[in-house]
Amino acid sequence: MPRYTKPRGDSTLCDTHAGFTKDQLSDLTRLLKRGIQAGLIAASTRVIWTISDEGWIFEGRITNAEQHEYHGYPLRPSEPITHAVYQRFLAWAMLHGDAIDQQAAANCRDLYGFKS
């Protein structure tokens, strides 16, 4: 039987899809802080979300609880959680965020095609 070579429709995106490069690794602390401040943490605390300045929603899932290691990746616009993450981030950005946070929310709206 030949090996399956077509792309999976349900596979996660990788950093390159969102234009996230090694040069931006220094932004991770700031982006994680943004997600925490905006309350983008799952009740189980095993998942955290954040929104990049370019508008991409990133999800981080814990892979090693003892070492506090997470694996992060950008979310596809079709993933159901994206709108809820955006709405919570938008509310936080408008009340507590600075101009960069508010622009990130606008970029997210445009990138993901949200109406509000």
PDB file of N, CA and C in Angstrom:
ATOM      1  N   MET A   1       0.847  -1.174   0.000  1.00  0.00           N
ATOM      2  CA  MET A   1       0.000   0.000   0.000  1.00  0.00           C
ATOM      3  C   MET A   1       0.896   1.243   0.000  1.00  0.00           C
ATOM      4  N   PRO A   2       0.614   2.233  -0.872  1.00  0.00           N
ATOM      5  CA  PRO A   2       1.449   3.437  -0.905  1.00  0.00           C
ATOM      6  C   PRO A   2       1.240   4.291   0.338  1.00  0.00           C
ATOM      7  N   ARG A   3       2.280   4.977   0.706  1.00  0.00           N
ATOM      8  CA  ARG A   3       2.257   5.860   1.875  1.00  0.00           C
ATOM      9  C   ARG A   3       1.338   7.044   1.607  1.00  0.00           C
ATOM     10  N   TYR A   4       0.583   7.466   2.624  1.00  0.00           N
ATOM     11  CA  TYR A   4      -0.307   8.622   2.512  1.00  0.00           C
ATOM     12  C   TYR A   4       0.533   9.893   2.501  1.00  0.00           C
ATOM     13  N   THR A   5       0.363  10.703   1.476  1.00  0.00           N
ATOM     14  CA  THR A   5       1.189  11.915   1.354  1.00  0.00           C
ATOM     15  C   THR A   5       0.380  13.199   1.308  1.00  0.00           C
ATOM     16  N   LYS A   6      -0.940  13.113   1.358  1.00  0.00           N
ATOM     17  CA  LYS A   6      -1.765  14.326   1.312  1.00  0.00           C
ATOM     18  C   LYS A   6      -1.757  14.999   2.680  1.00  0.00           C
ATOM     19  N   PRO A   7      -1.904  16.336   2.718  1.00  0.00           N
ATOM     20  CA  PRO A   7      -1.918  17.030   4.012  1.00  0.00           C
ATOM     21  C   PRO A   7      -3.154  16.668   4.818  1.00  0.00           C
ATOM     22  N   ARG A   8      -2.974  16.586   6.125  1.00  0.00           N
ATOM     23  CA  ARG A   8      -4.096  16.319   7.028  1.00  0.00           C
ATOM     24  C   ARG A   8      -4.872  17.604   7.243  1.00  0.00           C
ATOM     25  N   GLY A   9      -6.165  17.533   7.165  1.00  0.00           N
ATOM     26  CA  GLY A   9      -7.000  18.710   7.382  1.00  0.00           C
ATOM     27  C   GLY A   9      -7.091  19.139   8.821  1.00  0.00           C
ATOM     28  N   ASP A  10      -6.754  18.228   9.750  1.00  0.00           N
ATOM     29  CA  ASP A  10      -6.882  18.549  11.164  1.00  0.00           C
ATOM     30  C   ASP A  10      -5.538  18.761  11.851  1.00  0.00           C
ATOM     31  N   SER A  11      -4.472  18.772  11.092  1.00  0.00           N
ATOM     32  CA  SER A  11      -3.161  18.955  11.713  1.00  0.00           C
ATOM     33  C   SER A  11      -3.006  20.389  12.199  1.00  0.00           C
ATOM     34  N   THR A  12      -2.197  20.561  13.226  1.00  0.00           N
ATOM     35  CA  THR A  12      -1.975  21.906  13.748  1.00  0.00           C
ATOM     36  C   THR A  12      -1.015  22.651  12.835  1.00  0.00           C
ATOM     37  N   LEU A  13      -1.094  23.955  12.895  1.00  0.00           N
ATOM     38  CA  LEU A  13      -0.159  24.790  12.155  1.00  0.00           C
ATOM     39  C   LEU A  13       1.160  24.827  12.915  1.00  0.00           C
ATOM     40  N   CYS A  14       2.200  25.226  12.231  1.00  0.00           N
ATOM     41  CA  CYS A  14       3.474  25.407  12.922  1.00  0.00           C
ATOM     42  C   CYS A  14       3.845  26.886  12.885  1.00  0.00           C
ATOM     43  N   ASP A  15       4.894  27.225  13.596  1.00  0.00           N
ATOM     44  CA  ASP A  15       5.290  28.636  13.725  1.00  0.00           C
ATOM     45  C   ASP A  15       5.477  29.326  12.386  1.00  0.00           C
ATOM     46  N   THR A  16       5.994  28.599  11.392  1.00  0.00           N
ATOM     47  CA  THR A  16       6.245  29.240  10.099  1.00  0.00           C
ATOM     48  C   THR A  16       4.960  29.683   9.425  1.00  0.00           C
ATOM     49  N   HIS A  17       3.848  28.992   9.677  1.00  0.00           N
ATOM     50  CA  HIS A  17       2.572  29.422   9.109  1.00  0.00           C
ATOM     51  C   HIS A  17       2.202  30.820   9.603  1.00  0.00           C
ATOM     52  N   ALA A  18       2.566  31.123  10.834  1.00  0.00           N
ATOM     53  CA  ALA A  18       2.255  32.424  11.424  1.00  0.00           C
ATOM     54  C   ALA A  18       3.397  33.422  11.258  1.00  0.00           C
ATOM     55  N   GLY A  19       4.438  33.015  10.559  1.00  0.00           N
ATOM     56  CA  GLY A  19       5.575  33.906  10.370  1.00  0.00           C
ATOM     57  C   GLY A  19       6.401  34.094  11.624  1.00  0.00           C
ATOM     58  N   PHE A  20       6.284  33.180  12.578  1.00  0.00           N
ATOM     59  CA  PHE A  20       7.028  33.283  13.832  1.00  0.00           C
ATOM     60  C   PHE A  20       8.404  32.665  13.629  1.00  0.00           C
ATOM     61  N   THR A  21       9.435  33.456  13.843  1.00  0.00           N
ATOM     62  CA  THR A  21      10.800  33.008  13.586  1.00  0.00           C
ATOM     63  C   THR A  21      11.616  32.926  14.867  1.00  0.00           C
ATOM     64  N   LYS A  22      12.789  32.333  14.764  1.00  0.00           N
ATOM     65  CA  LYS A  22      13.682  32.235  15.919  1.00  0.00           C
ATOM     66  C   LYS A  22      14.063  33.614  16.449  1.00  0.00           C
ATOM     67  N   ASP A  23      14.074  34.611  15.585  1.00  0.00           N
ATOM     68  CA  ASP A  23      14.389  35.973  16.014  1.00  0.00           C
ATOM     69  C   ASP A  23      13.354  36.510  17.002  1.00  0.00           C
ATOM     70  N   GLN A  24      12.164  35.932  16.995  1.00  0.00           N
ATOM     71  CA  GLN A  24      11.083  36.403  17.860  1.00  0.00           C
ATOM     72  C   GLN A  24      10.995  35.629  19.175  1.00  0.00           C
ATOM     73  N   LEU A  25      11.901  34.698  19.408  1.00  0.00           N
ATOM     74  CA  LEU A  25      11.866  33.925  20.651  1.00  0.00           C
ATOM     75  C   LEU A  25      11.928  34.823  21.878  1.00  0.00           C
ATOM     76  N   SER A  26      12.603  35.946  21.763  1.00  0.00           N
ATOM     77  CA  SER A  26      12.691  36.859  22.901  1.00  0.00           C
ATOM     78  C   SER A  26      11.327  37.479  23.236  1.00  0.00           C
ATOM     79  N   ASP A  27      10.369  37.408  22.318  1.00  0.00           N
ATOM     80  CA  ASP A  27       9.019  37.927  22.564  1.00  0.00           C
ATOM     81  C   ASP A  27       8.154  36.976  23.380  1.00  0.00           C
ATOM     82  N   LEU A  28       8.596  35.729  23.550  1.00  0.00           N
ATOM     83  CA  LEU A  28       7.753  34.732  24.220  1.00  0.00           C
ATOM     84  C   LEU A  28       7.336  35.142  25.628  1.00  0.00           C
ATOM     85  N   THR A  29       8.253  35.651  26.408  1.00  0.00           N
ATOM     86  CA  THR A  29       7.917  36.056  27.771  1.00  0.00           C
ATOM     87  C   THR A  29       6.839  37.136  27.754  1.00  0.00           C
ATOM     88  N   ARG A  30       6.987  38.106  26.889  1.00  0.00           N
ATOM     89  CA  ARG A  30       6.004  39.187  26.788  1.00  0.00           C
ATOM     90  C   ARG A  30       4.648  38.648  26.334  1.00  0.00           C
ATOM     91  N   LEU A  31       4.646  37.732  25.374  1.00  0.00           N
ATOM     92  CA  LEU A  31       3.389  37.175  24.884  1.00  0.00           C
ATOM     93  C   LEU A  31       2.707  36.301  25.937  1.00  0.00           C
ATOM     94  N   LEU A  32       3.496  35.529  26.688  1.00  0.00           N
ATOM     95  CA  LEU A  32       2.911  34.735  27.765  1.00  0.00           C
ATOM     96  C   LEU A  32       2.322  35.643  28.846  1.00  0.00           C
ATOM     97  N   LYS A  33       3.045  36.687  29.181  1.00  0.00           N
ATOM     98  CA  LYS A  33       2.547  37.650  30.171  1.00  0.00           C
ATOM     99  C   LYS A  33       1.241  38.272  29.681  1.00  0.00           C
ATOM    100  N   ARG A  34       1.174  38.599  28.399  1.00  0.00           N
ATOM    101  CA  ARG A  34      -0.039  39.170  27.812  1.00  0.00           C
ATOM    102  C   ARG A  34      -1.208  38.204  27.975  1.00  0.00           C
ATOM    103  N   GLY A  35      -0.986  36.940  27.660  1.00  0.00           N
ATOM    104  CA  GLY A  35      -2.050  35.945  27.792  1.00  0.00           C
ATOM    105  C   GLY A  35      -2.525  35.788  29.226  1.00  0.00           C
ATOM    106  N   ILE A  36      -1.584  35.791  30.162  1.00  0.00           N
ATOM    107  CA  ILE A  36      -1.932  35.669  31.579  1.00  0.00           C
ATOM    108  C   ILE A  36      -2.715  36.898  32.040  1.00  0.00           C
ATOM    109  N   GLN A  37      -2.232  38.084  31.693  1.00  0.00           N
ATOM    110  CA  GLN A  37      -2.924  39.307  32.102  1.00  0.00           C
ATOM    111  C   GLN A  37      -4.332  39.383  31.522  1.00  0.00           C
ATOM    112  N   ALA A  38      -4.505  38.862  30.309  1.00  0.00           N
ATOM    113  CA  ALA A  38      -5.814  38.896  29.660  1.00  0.00           C
ATOM    114  C   ALA A  38      -6.722  37.768  30.146  1.00  0.00           C
ATOM    115  N   GLY A  39      -6.214  36.888  31.014  1.00  0.00           N
ATOM    116  CA  GLY A  39      -7.017  35.795  31.543  1.00  0.00           C
ATOM    117  C   GLY A  39      -7.251  34.675  30.549  1.00  0.00           C
ATOM    118  N   LEU A  40      -6.303  34.484  29.646  1.00  0.00           N
ATOM    119  CA  LEU A  40      -6.447  33.467  28.598  1.00  0.00           C
ATOM    120  C   LEU A  40      -5.847  32.137  29.038  1.00  0.00           C
ATOM    121  N   ILE A  41      -6.307  31.655  30.178  1.00  0.00           N
ATOM    122  CA  ILE A  41      -5.803  30.422  30.765  1.00  0.00           C
ATOM    123  C   ILE A  41      -6.985  29.488  30.981  1.00  0.00           C
ATOM    124  N   ALA A  42      -6.843  28.236  30.548  1.00  0.00           N
ATOM    125  CA  ALA A  42      -7.897  27.247  30.759  1.00  0.00           C
ATOM    126  C   ALA A  42      -8.034  26.950  32.250  1.00  0.00           C
ATOM    127  N   ALA A  43      -9.213  26.542  32.654  1.00  0.00           N
ATOM    128  CA  ALA A  43      -9.463  26.252  34.067  1.00  0.00           C
ATOM    129  C   ALA A  43      -8.496  25.210  34.608  1.00  0.00           C
ATOM    130  N   SER A  44      -8.068  24.296  33.757  1.00  0.00           N
ATOM    131  CA  SER A  44      -7.141  23.252  34.195  1.00  0.00           C
ATOM    132  C   SER A  44      -5.708  23.764  34.295  1.00  0.00           C
ATOM    133  N   THR A  45      -5.453  24.949  33.810  1.00  0.00           N
ATOM    134  CA  THR A  45      -4.127  25.582  33.706  1.00  0.00           C
ATOM    135  C   THR A  45      -3.154  24.749  32.868  1.00  0.00           C
ATOM    136  N   ARG A  46      -3.660  23.829  32.097  1.00  0.00           N
ATOM    137  CA  ARG A  46      -2.811  23.033  31.208  1.00  0.00           C
ATOM    138  C   ARG A  46      -2.720  23.671  29.821  1.00  0.00           C
ATOM    139  N   VAL A  47      -3.537  24.697  29.589  1.00  0.00           N
ATOM    140  CA  VAL A  47      -3.572  25.375  28.298  1.00  0.00           C
ATOM    141  C   VAL A  47      -3.569  26.873  28.547  1.00  0.00           C
ATOM    142  N   ILE A  48      -2.794  27.581  27.751  1.00  0.00           N
ATOM    143  CA  ILE A  48      -2.774  29.045  27.784  1.00  0.00           C
ATOM    144  C   ILE A  48      -2.811  29.532  26.345  1.00  0.00           C
ATOM    145  N   TRP A  49      -3.463  30.650  26.133  1.00  0.00           N
ATOM    146  CA  TRP A  49      -3.514  31.259  24.815  1.00  0.00           C
ATOM    147  C   TRP A  49      -2.903  32.654  24.900  1.00  0.00           C
ATOM    148  N   THR A  50      -2.467  33.151  23.787  1.00  0.00           N
ATOM    149  CA  THR A  50      -2.026  34.533  23.675  1.00  0.00           C
ATOM    150  C   THR A  50      -2.236  34.975  22.243  1.00  0.00           C
ATOM    151  N   ILE A  51      -2.150  36.258  22.028  1.00  0.00           N
ATOM    152  CA  ILE A  51      -2.307  36.820  20.683  1.00  0.00           C
ATOM    153  C   ILE A  51      -1.055  37.619  20.372  1.00  0.00           C
ATOM    154  N   SER A  52      -0.454  37.296  19.246  1.00  0.00           N
ATOM    155  CA  SER A  52       0.761  38.003  18.833  1.00  0.00           C
ATOM    156  C   SER A  52       0.413  39.396  18.331  1.00  0.00           C
ATOM    157  N   ASP A  53       1.413  40.230  18.226  1.00  0.00           N
ATOM    158  CA  ASP A  53       1.197  41.585  17.721  1.00  0.00           C
ATOM    159  C   ASP A  53       0.619  41.557  16.312  1.00  0.00           C
ATOM    160  N   GLU A  54       0.946  40.509  15.554  1.00  0.00           N
ATOM    161  CA  GLU A  54       0.453  40.371  14.176  1.00  0.00           C
ATOM    162  C   GLU A  54      -0.975  39.846  14.126  1.00  0.00           C
ATOM    163  N   GLY A  55      -1.509  39.399  15.277  1.00  0.00           N
ATOM    164  CA  GLY A  55      -2.892  38.956  15.352  1.00  0.00           C
ATOM    165  C   GLY A  55      -3.100  37.457  15.432  1.00  0.00           C
ATOM    166  N   TRP A  56      -2.040  36.675  15.351  1.00  0.00           N
ATOM    167  CA  TRP A  56      -2.183  35.222  15.452  1.00  0.00           C
ATOM    168  C   TRP A  56      -2.522  34.811  16.875  1.00  0.00           C
ATOM    169  N   ILE A  57      -3.460  33.879  17.012  1.00  0.00           N
ATOM    170  CA  ILE A  57      -3.765  33.285  18.311  1.00  0.00           C
ATOM    171  C   ILE A  57      -2.873  32.058  18.451  1.00  0.00           C
ATOM    172  N   PHE A  58      -2.095  32.029  19.524  1.00  0.00           N
ATOM    173  CA  PHE A  58      -1.235  30.894  19.825  1.00  0.00           C
ATOM    174  C   PHE A  58      -1.785  30.158  21.033  1.00  0.00           C
ATOM    175  N   GLU A  59      -1.724  28.840  20.967  1.00  0.00           N
ATOM    176  CA  GLU A  59      -2.128  28.000  22.085  1.00  0.00           C
ATOM    177  C   GLU A  59      -0.900  27.290  22.605  1.00  0.00           C
ATOM    178  N   GLY A  60      -0.744  27.288  23.911  1.00  0.00           N
ATOM    179  CA  GLY A  60       0.332  26.544  24.548  1.00  0.00           C
ATOM    180  C   GLY A  60      -0.260  25.443  25.404  1.00  0.00           C
ATOM    181  N   ARG A  61       0.174  24.215  25.178  1.00  0.00           N
ATOM    182  CA  ARG A  61      -0.295  23.058  25.960  1.00  0.00           C
ATOM    183  C   ARG A  61       0.872  22.496  26.745  1.00  0.00           C
ATOM    184  N   ILE A  62       0.630  22.202  28.008  1.00  0.00           N
ATOM    185  CA  ILE A  62       1.696  21.678  28.852  1.00  0.00           C
ATOM    186  C   ILE A  62       2.119  20.293  28.361  1.00  0.00           C
ATOM    187  N   THR A  63       3.423  20.109  28.236  1.00  0.00           N
ATOM    188  CA  THR A  63       3.962  18.817  27.808  1.00  0.00           C
ATOM    189  C   THR A  63       4.777  18.161  28.920  1.00  0.00           C
ATOM    190  N   ASN A  64       5.236  18.960  29.867  1.00  0.00           N
ATOM    191  CA  ASN A  64       5.996  18.428  30.996  1.00  0.00           C
ATOM    192  C   ASN A  64       5.669  19.301  32.208  1.00  0.00           C
ATOM    193  N   ALA A  65       4.741  18.831  33.017  1.00  0.00           N
ATOM    194  CA  ALA A  65       4.276  19.623  34.163  1.00  0.00           C
ATOM    195  C   ALA A  65       5.374  19.882  35.178  1.00  0.00           C
ATOM    196  N   GLU A  66       6.239  18.913  35.402  1.00  0.00           N
ATOM    197  CA  GLU A  66       7.304  19.081  36.385  1.00  0.00           C
ATOM    198  C   GLU A  66       8.297  20.161  35.982  1.00  0.00           C
ATOM    199  N   GLN A  67       8.549  20.290  34.693  1.00  0.00           N
ATOM    200  CA  GLN A  67       9.493  21.293  34.183  1.00  0.00           C
ATOM    201  C   GLN A  67       8.786  22.560  33.693  1.00  0.00           C
ATOM    202  N   HIS A  68       7.452  22.591  33.780  1.00  0.00           N
ATOM    203  CA  HIS A  68       6.657  23.732  33.295  1.00  0.00           C
ATOM    204  C   HIS A  68       6.939  23.994  31.823  1.00  0.00           C
ATOM    205  N   GLU A  69       6.992  22.933  31.027  1.00  0.00           N
ATOM    206  CA  GLU A  69       7.258  23.058  29.598  1.00  0.00           C
ATOM    207  C   GLU A  69       5.952  22.973  28.821  1.00  0.00           C
ATOM    208  N   TYR A  70       5.817  23.877  27.864  1.00  0.00           N
ATOM    209  CA  TYR A  70       4.642  23.938  27.012  1.00  0.00           C
ATOM    210  C   TYR A  70       5.067  23.792  25.559  1.00  0.00           C
ATOM    211  N   HIS A  71       4.144  23.287  24.742  1.00  0.00           N
ATOM    212  CA  HIS A  71       4.325  23.268  23.297  1.00  0.00           C
ATOM    213  C   HIS A  71       3.312  24.249  22.741  1.00  0.00           C
ATOM    214  N   GLY A  72       3.770  25.216  21.974  1.00  0.00           N
ATOM    215  CA  GLY A  72       2.877  26.232  21.442  1.00  0.00           C
ATOM    216  C   GLY A  72       2.778  26.170  19.937  1.00  0.00           C
ATOM    217  N   TYR A  73       1.623  26.593  19.430  1.00  0.00           N
ATOM    218  CA  TYR A  73       1.395  26.602  17.989  1.00  0.00           C
ATOM    219  C   TYR A  73       0.261  27.582  17.683  1.00  0.00           C
ATOM    220  N   PRO A  74       0.251  28.132  16.467  1.00  0.00           N
ATOM    221  CA  PRO A  74      -0.837  29.036  16.087  1.00  0.00           C
ATOM    222  C   PRO A  74      -2.112  28.247  15.799  1.00  0.00           C
ATOM    223  N   LEU A  75      -3.244  28.859  16.084  1.00  0.00           N
ATOM    224  CA  LEU A  75      -4.531  28.214  15.842  1.00  0.00           C
ATOM    225  C   LEU A  75      -5.081  28.584  14.470  1.00  0.00           C
ATOM    226  N   ARG A  76      -5.736  27.610  13.857  1.00  0.00           N
ATOM    227  CA  ARG A  76      -6.415  27.843  12.583  1.00  0.00           C
ATOM    228  C   ARG A  76      -7.676  28.669  12.834  1.00  0.00           C
ATOM    229  N   PRO A  77      -8.056  29.510  11.869  1.00  0.00           N
ATOM    230  CA  PRO A  77      -9.302  30.275  12.030  1.00  0.00           C
ATOM    231  C   PRO A  77     -10.538  29.399  12.220  1.00  0.00           C
ATOM    232  N   SER A  78     -10.512  28.170  11.733  1.00  0.00           N
ATOM    233  CA  SER A  78     -11.672  27.286  11.838  1.00  0.00           C
ATOM    234  C   SER A  78     -11.823  26.632  13.208  1.00  0.00           C
ATOM    235  N   GLU A  79     -10.842  26.777  14.083  1.00  0.00           N
ATOM    236  CA  GLU A  79     -10.935  26.144  15.398  1.00  0.00           C
ATOM    237  C   GLU A  79     -11.936  26.892  16.274  1.00  0.00           C
ATOM    238  N   PRO A  80     -12.883  26.167  16.878  1.00  0.00           N
ATOM    239  CA  PRO A  80     -13.973  26.812  17.626  1.00  0.00           C
ATOM    240  C   PRO A  80     -13.519  27.737  18.750  1.00  0.00           C
ATOM    241  N   ILE A  81     -12.409  27.472  19.383  1.00  0.00           N
ATOM    242  CA  ILE A  81     -11.970  28.260  20.537  1.00  0.00           C
ATOM    243  C   ILE A  81     -11.495  29.664  20.139  1.00  0.00           C
ATOM    244  N   THR A  82     -11.162  29.869  18.877  1.00  0.00           N
ATOM    245  CA  THR A  82     -10.548  31.144  18.485  1.00  0.00           C
ATOM    246  C   THR A  82     -11.427  32.355  18.785  1.00  0.00           C
ATOM    247  N   HIS A  83     -12.723  32.262  18.513  1.00  0.00           N
ATOM    248  CA  HIS A  83     -13.580  33.426  18.727  1.00  0.00           C
ATOM    249  C   HIS A  83     -13.680  33.779  20.204  1.00  0.00           C
ATOM    250  N   ALA A  84     -13.786  32.766  21.063  1.00  0.00           N
ATOM    251  CA  ALA A  84     -13.864  33.024  22.508  1.00  0.00           C
ATOM    252  C   ALA A  84     -12.569  33.653  23.019  1.00  0.00           C
ATOM    253  N   VAL A  85     -11.433  33.159  22.540  1.00  0.00           N
ATOM    254  CA  VAL A  85     -10.138  33.733  22.946  1.00  0.00           C
ATOM    255  C   VAL A  85     -10.061  35.182  22.482  1.00  0.00           C
ATOM    256  N   TYR A  86     -10.433  35.426  21.238  1.00  0.00           N
ATOM    257  CA  TYR A  86     -10.406  36.793  20.704  1.00  0.00           C
ATOM    258  C   TYR A  86     -11.305  37.715  21.524  1.00  0.00           C
ATOM    259  N   GLN A  87     -12.533  37.285  21.819  1.00  0.00           N
ATOM    260  CA  GLN A  87     -13.477  38.134  22.557  1.00  0.00           C
ATOM    261  C   GLN A  87     -12.927  38.499  23.934  1.00  0.00           C
ATOM    262  N   ARG A  88     -12.359  37.522  24.625  1.00  0.00           N
ATOM    263  CA  ARG A  88     -11.803  37.803  25.950  1.00  0.00           C
ATOM    264  C   ARG A  88     -10.612  38.746  25.836  1.00  0.00           C
ATOM    265  N   PHE A  89      -9.758  38.503  24.848  1.00  0.00           N
ATOM    266  CA  PHE A  89      -8.589  39.363  24.673  1.00  0.00           C
ATOM    267  C   PHE A  89      -9.018  40.786  24.312  1.00  0.00           C
ATOM    268  N   LEU A  90      -9.973  40.916  23.418  1.00  0.00           N
ATOM    269  CA  LEU A  90     -10.457  42.238  23.012  1.00  0.00           C
ATOM    270  C   LEU A  90     -10.977  43.021  24.212  1.00  0.00           C
ATOM    271  N   ALA A  91     -11.794  42.366  25.042  1.00  0.00           N
ATOM    272  CA  ALA A  91     -12.337  43.047  26.224  1.00  0.00           C
ATOM    273  C   ALA A  91     -11.211  43.518  27.138  1.00  0.00           C
ATOM    274  N   TRP A  92     -10.221  42.656  27.360  1.00  0.00           N
ATOM    275  CA  TRP A  92      -9.093  43.038  28.210  1.00  0.00           C
ATOM    276  C   TRP A  92      -8.285  44.174  27.576  1.00  0.00           C
ATOM    277  N   ALA A  93      -7.997  44.044  26.284  1.00  0.00           N
ATOM    278  CA  ALA A  93      -7.168  45.046  25.600  1.00  0.00           C
ATOM    279  C   ALA A  93      -7.817  46.428  25.644  1.00  0.00           C
ATOM    280  N   MET A  94      -9.127  46.479  25.481  1.00  0.00           N
ATOM    281  CA  MET A  94      -9.809  47.771  25.474  1.00  0.00           C
ATOM    282  C   MET A  94      -9.841  48.407  26.867  1.00  0.00           C
ATOM    283  N   LEU A  95      -9.893  47.590  27.917  1.00  0.00           N
ATOM    284  CA  LEU A  95      -9.952  48.119  29.277  1.00  0.00           C
ATOM    285  C   LEU A  95      -8.579  48.320  29.917  1.00  0.00           C
ATOM    286  N   HIS A  96      -7.659  47.392  29.667  1.00  0.00           N
ATOM    287  CA  HIS A  96      -6.398  47.392  30.404  1.00  0.00           C
ATOM    288  C   HIS A  96      -5.150  47.410  29.523  1.00  0.00           C
ATOM    289  N   GLY A  97      -5.304  47.111  28.258  1.00  0.00           N
ATOM    290  CA  GLY A  97      -4.145  47.018  27.383  1.00  0.00           C
ATOM    291  C   GLY A  97      -3.662  48.369  26.904  1.00  0.00           C
ATOM    292  N   ASP A  98      -2.472  48.351  26.344  1.00  0.00           N
ATOM    293  CA  ASP A  98      -1.935  49.581  25.757  1.00  0.00           C
ATOM    294  C   ASP A  98      -2.245  49.597  24.256  1.00  0.00           C
ATOM    295  N   ALA A  99      -1.718  50.573  23.557  1.00  0.00           N
ATOM    296  CA  ALA A  99      -1.990  50.714  22.124  1.00  0.00           C
ATOM    297  C   ALA A  99      -1.524  49.488  21.334  1.00  0.00           C
ATOM    298  N   ILE A 100      -0.428  48.870  21.753  1.00  0.00           N
ATOM    299  CA  ILE A 100       0.080  47.679  21.055  1.00  0.00           C
ATOM    300  C   ILE A 100      -0.890  46.508  21.239  1.00  0.00           C
ATOM    301  N   ASP A 101      -1.429  46.341  22.448  1.00  0.00           N
ATOM    302  CA  ASP A 101      -2.404  45.286  22.701  1.00  0.00           C
ATOM    303  C   ASP A 101      -3.679  45.518  21.880  1.00  0.00           C
ATOM    304  N   GLN A 102      -4.127  46.756  21.833  1.00  0.00           N
ATOM    305  CA  GLN A 102      -5.336  47.075  21.079  1.00  0.00           C
ATOM    306  C   GLN A 102      -5.127  46.851  19.582  1.00  0.00           C
ATOM    307  N   GLN A 103      -3.936  47.164  19.096  1.00  0.00           N
ATOM    308  CA  GLN A 103      -3.641  46.906  17.688  1.00  0.00           C
ATOM    309  C   GLN A 103      -3.570  45.402  17.422  1.00  0.00           C
ATOM    310  N   ALA A 104      -3.039  44.639  18.368  1.00  0.00           N
ATOM    311  CA  ALA A 104      -2.996  43.177  18.232  1.00  0.00           C
ATOM    312  C   ALA A 104      -4.418  42.625  18.122  1.00  0.00           C
ATOM    313  N   ALA A 105      -5.350  43.173  18.912  1.00  0.00           N
ATOM    314  CA  ALA A 105      -6.748  42.736  18.838  1.00  0.00           C
ATOM    315  C   ALA A 105      -7.341  43.056  17.465  1.00  0.00           C
ATOM    316  N   ALA A 106      -7.049  44.240  16.950  1.00  0.00           N
ATOM    317  CA  ALA A 106      -7.546  44.610  15.618  1.00  0.00           C
ATOM    318  C   ALA A 106      -6.934  43.713  14.545  1.00  0.00           C
ATOM    319  N   ASN A 107      -5.651  43.412  14.679  1.00  0.00           N
ATOM    320  CA  ASN A 107      -4.989  42.533  13.713  1.00  0.00           C
ATOM    321  C   ASN A 107      -5.586  41.130  13.768  1.00  0.00           C
ATOM    322  N   CYS A 108      -5.905  40.664  14.969  1.00  0.00           N
ATOM    323  CA  CYS A 108      -6.523  39.355  15.146  1.00  0.00           C
ATOM    324  C   CYS A 108      -7.897  39.333  14.479  1.00  0.00           C
ATOM    325  N   ARG A 109      -8.677  40.358  14.712  1.00  0.00           N
ATOM    326  CA  ARG A 109     -10.006  40.457  14.098  1.00  0.00           C
ATOM    327  C   ARG A 109      -9.896  40.342  12.581  1.00  0.00           C
ATOM    328  N   ASP A 110      -8.970  41.096  12.006  1.00  0.00           N
ATOM    329  CA  ASP A 110      -8.821  41.096  10.551  1.00  0.00           C
ATOM    330  C   ASP A 110      -8.269  39.761  10.025  1.00  0.00           C
ATOM    331  N   LEU A 111      -7.287  39.210  10.710  1.00  0.00           N
ATOM    332  CA  LEU A 111      -6.655  37.966  10.273  1.00  0.00           C
ATOM    333  C   LEU A 111      -7.630  36.794  10.315  1.00  0.00           C
ATOM    334  N   TYR A 112      -8.416  36.726  11.383  1.00  0.00           N
ATOM    335  CA  TYR A 112      -9.340  35.596  11.572  1.00  0.00           C
ATOM    336  C   TYR A 112     -10.730  35.870  10.993  1.00  0.00           C
ATOM    337  N   GLY A 113     -10.975  37.103  10.568  1.00  0.00           N
ATOM    338  CA  GLY A 113     -12.254  37.417   9.966  1.00  0.00           C
ATOM    339  C   GLY A 113     -13.408  37.560  10.952  1.00  0.00           C
ATOM    340  N   PHE A 114     -13.094  37.961  12.195  1.00  0.00           N
ATOM    341  CA  PHE A 114     -14.143  38.148  13.194  1.00  0.00           C
ATOM    342  C   PHE A 114     -14.913  39.422  12.884  1.00  0.00           C
ATOM    343  N   LYS A 115     -16.190  39.419  13.186  1.00  0.00           N
ATOM    344  CA  LYS A 115     -17.029  40.592  12.957  1.00  0.00           C
ATOM    345  C   LYS A 115     -16.955  41.568  14.108  1.00  0.00           C
ATOM    346  N   SER A 116     -16.796  41.058  15.322  1.00  0.00           N
ATOM    347  CA  SER A 116     -16.705  41.960  16.493  1.00  0.00           C
ATOM    348  C   SER A 116     -15.706  41.436  17.472  1.00  0.00           C
TER     349      SER A 116
END
